[in-house]
């Protein structure tokens, strides 16, 4: 009886893969083979789910800009992630998820890098930086991940990846050069966005060493709820709560925050998890190319943010850099695949 159970558990562990989706390492199962793949209802669900991760996640940058117009940034981010993280944790709890002390510690560490620094700096910066510009700068995250992995001995730089890094640096220079010379007040905002991208990248690089839950919802809920608590504490320490004029909060800010909670954190993430179980991970990862483009176009269309030739060229350079870096990573992984003992250790340490 017990040896049979052990064999089944081992088989489940070995059926999982550690992959990178949107620059984030996650453990996912093989996509389910559905008999009704060509069924119209199933095709419609797939289309709606991809619209969610393409358009909704791309539109969150504009929603952040609207939210922080009259809500202090740390307060807005703290409320957003408290509600979204609480809902996700409750959902995981109802499914039987019970976090351990080590998993809470891992959640605190990632909550600090992902949400307190990563999202806190982004929300703050969007008071001074256009939403499309912020999205393009956040798109540098895979570059930071690659460089940090190389510095920590986890990554080798191939010619393709080196070309990608060079192209990415050029894109950032094109994007920020004129901004810094013409609008000196935006300097701190631009640096804050890049700091947030770097912080999130550092969290991604160290996450395989942390004892995170294997449950997808729990893996997201713990860092989110821990990060939300830190954001609210930071809002209190910096005096944002005391200086919040609740009666003066605009309807647009309320709608922006509500959109971030409902659509950005709940609807899009649920669609993301659903797609991971039904589609090839590389196909799901294409949202990282679409999100900055959607953010730039929505900022231009709805918020009248400038869409200059410089922004277009920088967008092409940064997205091209991501393509080259990931191509270099795939080639490296094909030559030296991840050994099974490391996969099993990651799966066990996450439980």
C-alpha atoms as a PDB file:
ATOM      1  CA  UNK A   1       0.000   0.000   0.000  1.00  0.00           C
ATOM      2  CA  UNK A   2       2.570   2.552   1.129  1.00  0.00           C
ATOM      3  CA  UNK A   3       5.169   1.722  -1.562  1.00  0.00           C
ATOM      4  CA  UNK A   4       2.424   2.113  -4.181  1.00  0.00           C
ATOM      5  CA  UNK A   5       1.494   5.523  -2.763  1.00  0.00           C
ATOM      6  CA  UNK A   6       5.145   6.532  -2.789  1.00  0.00           C
ATOM      7  CA  UNK A   7       5.439   5.537  -6.444  1.00  0.00           C
ATOM      8  CA  UNK A   8       2.367   7.626  -7.301  1.00  0.00           C
ATOM      9  CA  UNK A   9       3.719  10.671  -5.454  1.00  0.00           C
ATOM     10  CA  UNK A  10       7.081  10.316  -7.196  1.00  0.00           C
ATOM     11  CA  UNK A  11       5.320  10.062 -10.544  1.00  0.00           C
ATOM     12  CA  UNK A  12       3.383  13.245  -9.810  1.00  0.00           C
ATOM     13  CA  UNK A  13       6.551  15.100  -8.871  1.00  0.00           C
ATOM     14  CA  UNK A  14       8.321  13.904 -12.006  1.00  0.00           C
ATOM     15  CA  UNK A  15       5.407  14.970 -14.177  1.00  0.00           C
ATOM     16  CA  UNK A  16       5.909  18.581 -13.102  1.00  0.00           C
ATOM     17  CA  UNK A  17       8.254  21.005 -14.809  1.00  0.00           C
ATOM     18  CA  UNK A  18      10.111  24.027 -13.521  1.00  0.00           C
ATOM     19  CA  UNK A  19       9.712  26.669 -16.208  1.00  0.00           C
ATOM     20  CA  UNK A  20       9.975  30.403 -16.589  1.00  0.00           C
ATOM     21  CA  UNK A  21       6.719  32.199 -17.355  1.00  0.00           C
ATOM     22  CA  UNK A  22       6.881  35.946 -17.743  1.00  0.00           C
ATOM     23  CA  UNK A  23      10.316  35.933 -16.152  1.00  0.00           C
ATOM     24  CA  UNK A  24       9.073  34.006 -13.107  1.00  0.00           C
ATOM     25  CA  UNK A  25      10.054  30.402 -12.272  1.00  0.00           C
ATOM     26  CA  UNK A  26       6.985  28.286 -11.544  1.00  0.00           C
ATOM     27  CA  UNK A  27       6.166  24.588 -11.219  1.00  0.00           C
ATOM     28  CA  UNK A  28       3.432  23.504 -13.611  1.00  0.00           C
ATOM     29  CA  UNK A  29       2.013  20.210 -14.770  1.00  0.00           C
ATOM     30  CA  UNK A  30       1.929  19.038 -18.352  1.00  0.00           C
ATOM     31  CA  UNK A  31      -0.928  20.726 -20.226  1.00  0.00           C
ATOM     32  CA  UNK A  32      -4.088  18.671 -20.195  1.00  0.00           C
ATOM     33  CA  UNK A  33      -5.064  17.114 -23.482  1.00  0.00           C
ATOM     34  CA  UNK A  34      -8.652  18.047 -24.009  1.00  0.00           C
ATOM     35  CA  UNK A  35     -10.836  16.020 -26.336  1.00  0.00           C
ATOM     36  CA  UNK A  36     -12.894  19.069 -27.198  1.00  0.00           C
ATOM     37  CA  UNK A  37      -9.947  21.233 -28.224  1.00  0.00           C
ATOM     38  CA  UNK A  38     -11.767  22.277 -31.394  1.00  0.00           C
ATOM     39  CA  UNK A  39     -15.073  22.730 -29.687  1.00  0.00           C
ATOM     40  CA  UNK A  40     -16.358  26.272 -30.115  1.00  0.00           C
ATOM     41  CA  UNK A  41     -17.081  26.729 -26.423  1.00  0.00           C
ATOM     42  CA  UNK A  42     -13.575  25.657 -25.458  1.00  0.00           C
ATOM     43  CA  UNK A  43     -12.064  27.861 -28.169  1.00  0.00           C
ATOM     44  CA  UNK A  44     -14.056  30.821 -26.872  1.00  0.00           C
ATOM     45  CA  UNK A  45     -12.806  30.228 -23.327  1.00  0.00           C
ATOM     46  CA  UNK A  46      -9.220  30.090 -24.585  1.00  0.00           C
ATOM     47  CA  UNK A  47      -9.681  33.323 -26.521  1.00  0.00           C
ATOM     48  CA  UNK A  48     -11.175  35.137 -23.521  1.00  0.00           C
ATOM     49  CA  UNK A  49      -8.402  33.884 -21.229  1.00  0.00           C
ATOM     50  CA  UNK A  50      -5.708  35.159 -23.594  1.00  0.00           C
ATOM     51  CA  UNK A  51      -7.505  38.491 -23.883  1.00  0.00           C
ATOM     52  CA  UNK A  52      -7.397  38.666 -20.080  1.00  0.00           C
ATOM     53  CA  UNK A  53      -3.632  38.126 -19.759  1.00  0.00           C
ATOM     54  CA  UNK A  54      -2.833  40.217 -22.856  1.00  0.00           C
ATOM     55  CA  UNK A  55      -5.152  43.206 -22.474  1.00  0.00           C
ATOM     56  CA  UNK A  56      -6.078  43.293 -18.787  1.00  0.00           C
ATOM     57  CA  UNK A  57      -2.536  42.906 -17.510  1.00  0.00           C
ATOM     58  CA  UNK A  58      -1.381  45.451 -20.091  1.00  0.00           C
ATOM     59  CA  UNK A  59      -4.072  47.898 -18.951  1.00  0.00           C
ATOM     60  CA  UNK A  60      -3.114  47.744 -15.272  1.00  0.00           C
ATOM     61  CA  UNK A  61      -0.413  50.380 -15.786  1.00  0.00           C
ATOM     62  CA  UNK A  62      -3.019  52.936 -16.822  1.00  0.00           C
ATOM     63  CA  UNK A  63      -5.266  51.822 -13.953  1.00  0.00           C
ATOM     64  CA  UNK A  64      -2.387  52.424 -11.526  1.00  0.00           C
ATOM     65  CA  UNK A  65      -1.939  55.929 -12.924  1.00  0.00           C
ATOM     66  CA  UNK A  66      -5.619  56.675 -12.359  1.00  0.00           C
ATOM     67  CA  UNK A  67      -5.598  55.135  -8.869  1.00  0.00           C
ATOM     68  CA  UNK A  68      -2.640  57.182  -7.593  1.00  0.00           C
ATOM     69  CA  UNK A  69      -4.075  60.461  -8.876  1.00  0.00           C
ATOM     70  CA  UNK A  70      -5.951  60.976  -5.583  1.00  0.00           C
ATOM     71  CA  UNK A  71      -4.961  57.914  -3.503  1.00  0.00           C
ATOM     72  CA  UNK A  72      -1.421  57.898  -2.066  1.00  0.00           C
ATOM     73  CA  UNK A  73       0.630  55.218  -3.878  1.00  0.00           C
ATOM     74  CA  UNK A  74       1.539  52.981  -0.939  1.00  0.00           C
ATOM     75  CA  UNK A  75      -2.034  53.121   0.345  1.00  0.00           C
ATOM     76  CA  UNK A  76      -3.365  52.208  -3.091  1.00  0.00           C
ATOM     77  CA  UNK A  77      -0.903  49.327  -3.532  1.00  0.00           C
ATOM     78  CA  UNK A  78      -1.502  48.098   0.025  1.00  0.00           C
ATOM     79  CA  UNK A  79      -5.284  48.056  -0.346  1.00  0.00           C
ATOM     80  CA  UNK A  80      -5.044  46.441  -3.776  1.00  0.00           C
ATOM     81  CA  UNK A  81      -2.862  43.552  -2.655  1.00  0.00           C
ATOM     82  CA  UNK A  82      -4.580  43.106   0.710  1.00  0.00           C
ATOM     83  CA  UNK A  83      -7.920  42.404  -0.943  1.00  0.00           C
ATOM     84  CA  UNK A  84      -6.501  40.412  -3.865  1.00  0.00           C
ATOM     85  CA  UNK A  85      -4.127  38.443  -1.644  1.00  0.00           C
ATOM     86  CA  UNK A  86      -6.829  37.790   0.940  1.00  0.00           C
ATOM     87  CA  UNK A  87      -9.202  36.482  -1.729  1.00  0.00           C
ATOM     88  CA  UNK A  88      -6.512  34.260  -3.241  1.00  0.00           C
ATOM     89  CA  UNK A  89      -5.466  32.889   0.155  1.00  0.00           C
ATOM     90  CA  UNK A  90      -9.095  32.182   1.072  1.00  0.00           C
ATOM     91  CA  UNK A  91      -9.576  30.363  -2.223  1.00  0.00           C
ATOM     92  CA  UNK A  92      -6.436  28.279  -1.642  1.00  0.00           C
ATOM     93  CA  UNK A  93      -7.499  27.580   1.969  1.00  0.00           C
ATOM     94  CA  UNK A  94     -10.882  26.257   0.824  1.00  0.00           C
ATOM     95  CA  UNK A  95      -9.025  23.940  -1.541  1.00  0.00           C
ATOM     96  CA  UNK A  96      -7.068  22.497   1.391  1.00  0.00           C
ATOM     97  CA  UNK A  97      -3.931  24.638   1.333  1.00  0.00           C
ATOM     98  CA  UNK A  98      -2.306  25.023   4.775  1.00  0.00           C
ATOM     99  CA  UNK A  99       0.905  27.103   4.773  1.00  0.00           C
ATOM    100  CA  UNK A 100       3.827  26.095   6.960  1.00  0.00           C
ATOM    101  CA  UNK A 101       6.099  28.430   8.926  1.00  0.00           C
ATOM    102  CA  UNK A 102       8.873  28.072   6.321  1.00  0.00           C
ATOM    103  CA  UNK A 103       6.425  28.954   3.564  1.00  0.00           C
ATOM    104  CA  UNK A 104       5.360  32.084   5.460  1.00  0.00           C
ATOM    105  CA  UNK A 105       9.041  33.073   5.744  1.00  0.00           C
ATOM    106  CA  UNK A 106       9.442  32.579   1.994  1.00  0.00           C
ATOM    107  CA  UNK A 107       6.302  34.661   1.461  1.00  0.00           C
ATOM    108  CA  UNK A 108       7.738  37.489   3.555  1.00  0.00           C
ATOM    109  CA  UNK A 109      11.009  37.494   1.597  1.00  0.00           C
ATOM    110  CA  UNK A 110       9.303  37.546  -1.787  1.00  0.00           C
ATOM    111  CA  UNK A 111       6.651  39.948  -0.546  1.00  0.00           C
ATOM    112  CA  UNK A 112       9.434  42.416   0.260  1.00  0.00           C
ATOM    113  CA  UNK A 113      11.083  42.231  -3.173  1.00  0.00           C
ATOM    114  CA  UNK A 114       7.981  41.717  -5.332  1.00  0.00           C
ATOM    115  CA  UNK A 115       5.435  43.987  -3.706  1.00  0.00           C
ATOM    116  CA  UNK A 116       6.952  46.401  -1.170  1.00  0.00           C
ATOM    117  CA  UNK A 117       9.845  47.406  -3.438  1.00  0.00           C
ATOM    118  CA  UNK A 118       8.652  46.166  -6.832  1.00  0.00           C
ATOM    119  CA  UNK A 119       5.044  47.337  -6.867  1.00  0.00           C
ATOM    120  CA  UNK A 120       5.464  50.051  -4.242  1.00  0.00           C
ATOM    121  CA  UNK A 121       8.049  51.859  -6.349  1.00  0.00           C
ATOM    122  CA  UNK A 122       5.939  51.401  -9.512  1.00  0.00           C
ATOM    123  CA  UNK A 123       2.822  52.890  -7.903  1.00  0.00           C
ATOM    124  CA  UNK A 124       4.881  55.789  -6.543  1.00  0.00           C
ATOM    125  CA  UNK A 125       6.640  56.406  -9.863  1.00  0.00           C
ATOM    126  CA  UNK A 126       3.431  56.583 -11.879  1.00  0.00           C
ATOM    127  CA  UNK A 127       2.690  59.902 -10.189  1.00  0.00           C
ATOM    128  CA  UNK A 128       5.479  61.308 -12.369  1.00  0.00           C
ATOM    129  CA  UNK A 129       6.030  58.813 -15.230  1.00  0.00           C
ATOM    130  CA  UNK A 130       3.586  57.999 -18.039  1.00  0.00           C
ATOM    131  CA  UNK A 131       1.969  54.580 -17.759  1.00  0.00           C
ATOM    132  CA  UNK A 132       3.261  53.420 -21.157  1.00  0.00           C
ATOM    133  CA  UNK A 133       6.795  54.514 -20.316  1.00  0.00           C
ATOM    134  CA  UNK A 134       6.578  52.672 -16.977  1.00  0.00           C
ATOM    135  CA  UNK A 135       5.404  49.486 -18.714  1.00  0.00           C
ATOM    136  CA  UNK A 136       8.319  49.587 -21.149  1.00  0.00           C
ATOM    137  CA  UNK A 137      10.825  50.098 -18.339  1.00  0.00           C
ATOM    138  CA  UNK A 138       9.280  47.246 -16.347  1.00  0.00           C
ATOM    139  CA  UNK A 139       9.790  45.095 -19.445  1.00  0.00           C
ATOM    140  CA  UNK A 140      13.530  45.228 -18.647  1.00  0.00           C
ATOM    141  CA  UNK A 141      12.917  42.669 -15.894  1.00  0.00           C
ATOM    142  CA  UNK A 142      14.090  39.636 -17.963  1.00  0.00           C
ATOM    143  CA  UNK A 143      17.341  41.492 -18.632  1.00  0.00           C
ATOM    144  CA  UNK A 144      17.910  42.042 -14.918  1.00  0.00           C
ATOM    145  CA  UNK A 145      17.037  38.406 -14.236  1.00  0.00           C
ATOM    146  CA  UNK A 146      19.567  37.255 -16.783  1.00  0.00           C
ATOM    147  CA  UNK A 147      22.372  39.478 -15.478  1.00  0.00           C
ATOM    148  CA  UNK A 148      21.703  38.547 -11.833  1.00  0.00           C
ATOM    149  CA  UNK A 149      21.639  34.867 -12.752  1.00  0.00           C
ATOM    150  CA  UNK A 150      24.982  35.291 -14.504  1.00  0.00           C
ATOM    151  CA  UNK A 151      26.496  37.109 -11.509  1.00  0.00           C
ATOM    152  CA  UNK A 152      25.291  34.314  -9.203  1.00  0.00           C
ATOM    153  CA  UNK A 153      26.712  31.611 -11.466  1.00  0.00           C
ATOM    154  CA  UNK A 154      23.290  30.312 -12.500  1.00  0.00           C
ATOM    155  CA  UNK A 155      23.410  31.522 -16.096  1.00  0.00           C
ATOM    156  CA  UNK A 156      25.842  31.550 -18.992  1.00  0.00           C
ATOM    157  CA  UNK A 157      25.911  34.407 -21.469  1.00  0.00           C
ATOM    158  CA  UNK A 158      25.713  33.252 -25.071  1.00  0.00           C
ATOM    159  CA  UNK A 159      26.244  35.438 -28.098  1.00  0.00           C
ATOM    160  CA  UNK A 160      22.471  35.639 -28.648  1.00  0.00           C
ATOM    161  CA  UNK A 161      21.841  36.689 -25.054  1.00  0.00           C
ATOM    162  CA  UNK A 162      24.664  39.241 -25.179  1.00  0.00           C
ATOM    163  CA  UNK A 163      23.121  40.792 -28.297  1.00  0.00           C
ATOM    164  CA  UNK A 164      19.791  40.891 -26.480  1.00  0.00           C
ATOM    165  CA  UNK A 165      21.313  42.663 -23.486  1.00  0.00           C
ATOM    166  CA  UNK A 166      22.995  45.213 -25.710  1.00  0.00           C
ATOM    167  CA  UNK A 167      19.780  45.867 -27.612  1.00  0.00           C
ATOM    168  CA  UNK A 168      17.878  46.232 -24.330  1.00  0.00           C
ATOM    169  CA  UNK A 169      20.349  48.754 -22.952  1.00  0.00           C
ATOM    170  CA  UNK A 170      20.053  50.708 -26.185  1.00  0.00           C
ATOM    171  CA  UNK A 171      16.253  50.670 -25.907  1.00  0.00           C
ATOM    172  CA  UNK A 172      16.318  51.964 -22.322  1.00  0.00           C
ATOM    173  CA  UNK A 173      18.797  54.686 -23.315  1.00  0.00           C
ATOM    174  CA  UNK A 174      16.584  55.792 -26.208  1.00  0.00           C
ATOM    175  CA  UNK A 175      13.526  55.729 -23.954  1.00  0.00           C
ATOM    176  CA  UNK A 176      14.956  57.670 -21.023  1.00  0.00           C
ATOM    177  CA  UNK A 177      17.618  59.918 -22.542  1.00  0.00           C
ATOM    178  CA  UNK A 178      15.335  62.718 -23.707  1.00  0.00           C
ATOM    179  CA  UNK A 179      13.144  62.358 -20.627  1.00  0.00           C
ATOM    180  CA  UNK A 180      16.091  63.023 -18.339  1.00  0.00           C
ATOM    181  CA  UNK A 181      17.336  66.006 -20.292  1.00  0.00           C
ATOM    182  CA  UNK A 182      13.976  67.668 -20.875  1.00  0.00           C
ATOM    183  CA  UNK A 183      12.103  66.718 -17.709  1.00  0.00           C
ATOM    184  CA  UNK A 184      14.531  66.569 -14.820  1.00  0.00           C
ATOM    185  CA  UNK A 185      11.696  66.100 -12.336  1.00  0.00           C
ATOM    186  CA  UNK A 186      11.018  62.663 -13.844  1.00  0.00           C
ATOM    187  CA  UNK A 187      14.487  61.370 -12.931  1.00  0.00           C
ATOM    188  CA  UNK A 188      13.413  59.871  -9.594  1.00  0.00           C
ATOM    189  CA  UNK A 189      10.327  58.365 -11.193  1.00  0.00           C
ATOM    190  CA  UNK A 190      12.346  56.653 -13.921  1.00  0.00           C
ATOM    191  CA  UNK A 191      14.876  55.370 -11.408  1.00  0.00           C
ATOM    192  CA  UNK A 192      12.058  54.119  -9.169  1.00  0.00           C
ATOM    193  CA  UNK A 193      10.567  52.063 -12.012  1.00  0.00           C
ATOM    194  CA  UNK A 194      13.955  50.534 -12.823  1.00  0.00           C
ATOM    195  CA  UNK A 195      14.508  49.844  -9.106  1.00  0.00           C
ATOM    196  CA  UNK A 196      11.179  48.032  -8.992  1.00  0.00           C
ATOM    197  CA  UNK A 197      12.119  45.965 -12.041  1.00  0.00           C
ATOM    198  CA  UNK A 198      15.482  45.091 -10.476  1.00  0.00           C
ATOM    199  CA  UNK A 199      13.838  44.185  -7.148  1.00  0.00           C
ATOM    200  CA  UNK A 200      11.331  41.872  -8.824  1.00  0.00           C
ATOM    201  CA  UNK A 201      14.149  40.277 -10.836  1.00  0.00           C
ATOM    202  CA  UNK A 202      16.133  39.627  -7.641  1.00  0.00           C
ATOM    203  CA  UNK A 203      13.080  37.983  -6.094  1.00  0.00           C
ATOM    204  CA  UNK A 204      12.750  35.741  -9.146  1.00  0.00           C
ATOM    205  CA  UNK A 205      16.401  34.692  -8.973  1.00  0.00           C
ATOM    206  CA  UNK A 206      16.292  33.760  -5.279  1.00  0.00           C
ATOM    207  CA  UNK A 207      12.813  32.187  -5.318  1.00  0.00           C
ATOM    208  CA  UNK A 208      14.056  28.675  -6.258  1.00  0.00           C
ATOM    209  CA  UNK A 209      16.052  28.675  -2.994  1.00  0.00           C
ATOM    210  CA  UNK A 210      12.976  29.437  -0.894  1.00  0.00           C
ATOM    211  CA  UNK A 211      10.499  26.886   0.427  1.00  0.00           C
ATOM    212  CA  UNK A 212       7.496  28.118  -1.495  1.00  0.00           C
ATOM    213  CA  UNK A 213       4.208  26.183  -1.797  1.00  0.00           C
ATOM    214  CA  UNK A 214       3.761  23.955  -4.816  1.00  0.00           C
ATOM    215  CA  UNK A 215       0.073  24.920  -4.881  1.00  0.00           C
ATOM    216  CA  UNK A 216      -0.255  27.634  -7.536  1.00  0.00           C
ATOM    217  CA  UNK A 217      -2.750  29.715  -5.574  1.00  0.00           C
ATOM    218  CA  UNK A 218      -0.810  29.384  -2.328  1.00  0.00           C
ATOM    219  CA  UNK A 219       2.418  30.237  -4.116  1.00  0.00           C
ATOM    220  CA  UNK A 220       0.846  33.529  -5.191  1.00  0.00           C
ATOM    221  CA  UNK A 221      -1.225  34.251  -2.083  1.00  0.00           C
ATOM    222  CA  UNK A 222       1.541  34.198   0.540  1.00  0.00           C
ATOM    223  CA  UNK A 223       3.924  36.742  -1.084  1.00  0.00           C
ATOM    224  CA  UNK A 224       0.940  38.915  -2.019  1.00  0.00           C
ATOM    225  CA  UNK A 225      -0.582  39.057   1.455  1.00  0.00           C
ATOM    226  CA  UNK A 226       2.839  39.509   3.106  1.00  0.00           C
ATOM    227  CA  UNK A 227       3.761  42.254   0.664  1.00  0.00           C
ATOM    228  CA  UNK A 228       0.409  43.941   1.262  1.00  0.00           C
ATOM    229  CA  UNK A 229       1.041  44.018   5.009  1.00  0.00           C
ATOM    230  CA  UNK A 230       4.452  45.618   4.441  1.00  0.00           C
ATOM    231  CA  UNK A 231       2.975  48.178   2.042  1.00  0.00           C
ATOM    232  CA  UNK A 232       0.344  49.191   4.591  1.00  0.00           C
ATOM    233  CA  UNK A 233       2.980  49.448   7.332  1.00  0.00           C
ATOM    234  CA  UNK A 234       5.158  51.583   5.033  1.00  0.00           C
ATOM    235  CA  UNK A 235       2.145  53.780   4.257  1.00  0.00           C
ATOM    236  CA  UNK A 236       1.632  54.320   7.971  1.00  0.00           C
ATOM    237  CA  UNK A 237       5.308  55.014   8.694  1.00  0.00           C
ATOM    238  CA  UNK A 238       5.618  57.526   5.842  1.00  0.00           C
ATOM    239  CA  UNK A 239       2.455  59.306   6.903  1.00  0.00           C
ATOM    240  CA  UNK A 240       0.422  58.480   3.818  1.00  0.00           C
ATOM    241  CA  UNK A 241      -2.599  57.377   5.834  1.00  0.00           C
ATOM    242  CA  UNK A 242      -2.562  60.618   7.827  1.00  0.00           C
ATOM    243  CA  UNK A 243      -2.369  62.678   4.636  1.00  0.00           C
ATOM    244  CA  UNK A 244      -5.021  60.753   2.726  1.00  0.00           C
ATOM    245  CA  UNK A 245      -8.051  62.932   2.062  1.00  0.00           C
ATOM    246  CA  UNK A 246     -10.638  60.203   1.799  1.00  0.00           C
ATOM    247  CA  UNK A 247     -13.457  62.597   0.899  1.00  0.00           C
ATOM    248  CA  UNK A 248     -11.396  63.992  -1.980  1.00  0.00           C
ATOM    249  CA  UNK A 249     -10.697  60.667  -3.673  1.00  0.00           C
ATOM    250  CA  UNK A 250     -11.997  60.872  -7.230  1.00  0.00           C
ATOM    251  CA  UNK A 251     -14.350  58.391  -8.816  1.00  0.00           C
ATOM    252  CA  UNK A 252     -11.697  57.651 -11.439  1.00  0.00           C
ATOM    253  CA  UNK A 253      -9.220  56.638  -8.729  1.00  0.00           C
ATOM    254  CA  UNK A 254     -11.835  54.416  -7.086  1.00  0.00           C
ATOM    255  CA  UNK A 255     -12.599  52.738 -10.398  1.00  0.00           C
ATOM    256  CA  UNK A 256      -8.875  52.396 -11.122  1.00  0.00           C
ATOM    257  CA  UNK A 257      -8.233  50.671  -7.796  1.00  0.00           C
ATOM    258  CA  UNK A 258     -11.310  48.490  -8.179  1.00  0.00           C
ATOM    259  CA  UNK A 259     -10.166  47.488 -11.662  1.00  0.00           C
ATOM    260  CA  UNK A 260      -6.718  46.541 -10.355  1.00  0.00           C
ATOM    261  CA  UNK A 261      -8.233  44.358  -7.644  1.00  0.00           C
ATOM    262  CA  UNK A 262     -11.006  42.693  -9.632  1.00  0.00           C
ATOM    263  CA  UNK A 263      -9.589  42.372 -13.122  1.00  0.00           C
ATOM    264  CA  UNK A 264      -5.834  42.826 -12.749  1.00  0.00           C
ATOM    265  CA  UNK A 265      -5.343  40.554  -9.738  1.00  0.00           C
ATOM    266  CA  UNK A 266      -8.301  38.137  -9.766  1.00  0.00           C
ATOM    267  CA  UNK A 267      -9.666  37.715 -13.309  1.00  0.00           C
ATOM    268  CA  UNK A 268      -6.346  37.861 -15.166  1.00  0.00           C
ATOM    269  CA  UNK A 269      -4.505  35.657 -12.674  1.00  0.00           C
ATOM    270  CA  UNK A 270      -7.273  33.046 -12.698  1.00  0.00           C
ATOM    271  CA  UNK A 271      -7.099  33.037 -16.504  1.00  0.00           C
ATOM    272  CA  UNK A 272      -3.309  32.700 -16.294  1.00  0.00           C
ATOM    273  CA  UNK A 273      -3.490  29.622 -14.048  1.00  0.00           C
ATOM    274  CA  UNK A 274      -6.238  28.100 -16.221  1.00  0.00           C
ATOM    275  CA  UNK A 275      -4.173  28.585 -19.385  1.00  0.00           C
ATOM    276  CA  UNK A 276      -1.075  27.026 -17.823  1.00  0.00           C
ATOM    277  CA  UNK A 277      -3.006  23.774 -17.431  1.00  0.00           C
ATOM    278  CA  UNK A 278      -4.249  23.727 -21.019  1.00  0.00           C
ATOM    279  CA  UNK A 279      -1.672  25.384 -23.276  1.00  0.00           C
ATOM    280  CA  UNK A 280       2.078  25.122 -23.859  1.00  0.00           C
ATOM    281  CA  UNK A 281       3.885  27.375 -21.332  1.00  0.00           C
ATOM    282  CA  UNK A 282       5.779  29.148 -24.127  1.00  0.00           C
ATOM    283  CA  UNK A 283       2.453  30.216 -25.642  1.00  0.00           C
ATOM    284  CA  UNK A 284       1.186  31.544 -22.300  1.00  0.00           C
ATOM    285  CA  UNK A 285       4.450  33.450 -21.841  1.00  0.00           C
ATOM    286  CA  UNK A 286       3.725  35.549 -24.921  1.00  0.00           C
ATOM    287  CA  UNK A 287       1.734  37.910 -22.699  1.00  0.00           C
ATOM    288  CA  UNK A 288       5.041  39.483 -21.636  1.00  0.00           C
ATOM    289  CA  UNK A 289       5.488  40.771 -25.190  1.00  0.00           C
ATOM    290  CA  UNK A 290       1.916  42.021 -25.499  1.00  0.00           C
ATOM    291  CA  UNK A 291       1.561  43.807 -22.142  1.00  0.00           C
ATOM    292  CA  UNK A 292       3.955  46.748 -22.819  1.00  0.00           C
ATOM    293  CA  UNK A 293       2.450  47.292 -26.264  1.00  0.00           C
ATOM    294  CA  UNK A 294      -1.072  47.349 -24.820  1.00  0.00           C
ATOM    295  CA  UNK A 295       0.047  49.724 -22.065  1.00  0.00           C
ATOM    296  CA  UNK A 296       1.631  52.161 -24.525  1.00  0.00           C
ATOM    297  CA  UNK A 297      -1.381  52.155 -26.851  1.00  0.00           C
ATOM    298  CA  UNK A 298      -3.915  52.559 -24.031  1.00  0.00           C
ATOM    299  CA  UNK A 299      -1.879  55.382 -22.491  1.00  0.00           C
ATOM    300  CA  UNK A 300      -1.832  57.132 -25.870  1.00  0.00           C
ATOM    301  CA  UNK A 301      -5.513  56.527 -26.582  1.00  0.00           C
ATOM    302  CA  UNK A 302      -7.140  57.134 -23.195  1.00  0.00           C
ATOM    303  CA  UNK A 303      -4.648  59.312 -21.309  1.00  0.00           C
ATOM    304  CA  UNK A 304      -3.193  61.249 -24.266  1.00  0.00           C
ATOM    305  CA  UNK A 305       0.331  60.092 -23.461  1.00  0.00           C
ATOM    306  CA  UNK A 306       2.775  60.877 -26.294  1.00  0.00           C
ATOM    307  CA  UNK A 307       3.399  58.110 -28.814  1.00  0.00           C
ATOM    308  CA  UNK A 308       6.508  59.397 -30.532  1.00  0.00           C
ATOM    309  CA  UNK A 309       8.887  57.662 -32.920  1.00  0.00           C
ATOM    310  CA  UNK A 310      11.347  57.452 -30.018  1.00  0.00           C
ATOM    311  CA  UNK A 311       8.857  55.442 -27.940  1.00  0.00           C
ATOM    312  CA  UNK A 312       8.112  53.140 -30.883  1.00  0.00           C
ATOM    313  CA  UNK A 313      11.819  52.506 -31.559  1.00  0.00           C
ATOM    314  CA  UNK A 314      12.526  51.906 -27.869  1.00  0.00           C
ATOM    315  CA  UNK A 315       9.585  49.496 -27.684  1.00  0.00           C
ATOM    316  CA  UNK A 316      10.903  47.501 -30.627  1.00  0.00           C
ATOM    317  CA  UNK A 317      14.405  47.420 -29.112  1.00  0.00           C
ATOM    318  CA  UNK A 318      13.271  46.296 -25.642  1.00  0.00           C
ATOM    319  CA  UNK A 319      10.851  43.655 -26.923  1.00  0.00           C
ATOM    320  CA  UNK A 320      13.480  42.445 -29.381  1.00  0.00           C
ATOM    321  CA  UNK A 321      15.940  42.184 -26.498  1.00  0.00           C
ATOM    322  CA  UNK A 322      13.513  39.980 -24.570  1.00  0.00           C
ATOM    323  CA  UNK A 323      13.109  37.698 -27.585  1.00  0.00           C
ATOM    324  CA  UNK A 324      16.885  37.323 -28.013  1.00  0.00           C
ATOM    325  CA  UNK A 325      17.528  36.728 -24.301  1.00  0.00           C
ATOM    326  CA  UNK A 326      14.865  34.049 -24.075  1.00  0.00           C
ATOM    327  CA  UNK A 327      16.105  32.425 -27.255  1.00  0.00           C
ATOM    328  CA  UNK A 328      19.574  32.281 -25.728  1.00  0.00           C
ATOM    329  CA  UNK A 329      18.140  30.799 -22.515  1.00  0.00           C
ATOM    330  CA  UNK A 330      16.215  28.132 -24.436  1.00  0.00           C
ATOM    331  CA  UNK A 331      19.331  27.163 -26.354  1.00  0.00           C
ATOM    332  CA  UNK A 332      21.308  26.911 -23.112  1.00  0.00           C
ATOM    333  CA  UNK A 333      18.609  24.796 -21.453  1.00  0.00           C
ATOM    334  CA  UNK A 334      18.494  22.481 -24.463  1.00  0.00           C
ATOM    335  CA  UNK A 335      22.245  21.862 -24.159  1.00  0.00           C
ATOM    336  CA  UNK A 336      22.194  21.344 -20.369  1.00  0.00           C
ATOM    337  CA  UNK A 337      18.685  20.351 -19.208  1.00  0.00           C
ATOM    338  CA  UNK A 338      17.672  20.768 -15.561  1.00  0.00           C
ATOM    339  CA  UNK A 339      18.584  17.540 -13.674  1.00  0.00           C
ATOM    340  CA  UNK A 340      15.745  15.574 -12.107  1.00  0.00           C
ATOM    341  CA  UNK A 341      17.159  15.677  -8.532  1.00  0.00           C
ATOM    342  CA  UNK A 342      16.929  19.508  -8.583  1.00  0.00           C
ATOM    343  CA  UNK A 343      13.351  19.323  -9.817  1.00  0.00           C
ATOM    344  CA  UNK A 344      12.389  16.898  -7.078  1.00  0.00           C
ATOM    345  CA  UNK A 345      14.125  19.022  -4.444  1.00  0.00           C
ATOM    346  CA  UNK A 346      12.248  22.116  -5.606  1.00  0.00           C
ATOM    347  CA  UNK A 347       8.933  20.258  -5.520  1.00  0.00           C
ATOM    348  CA  UNK A 348       9.592  18.859  -2.039  1.00  0.00           C
ATOM    349  CA  UNK A 349      10.878  22.110  -0.582  1.00  0.00           C
ATOM    350  CA  UNK A 350       7.736  23.869  -1.798  1.00  0.00           C
ATOM    351  CA  UNK A 351       5.446  21.613   0.223  1.00  0.00           C
END
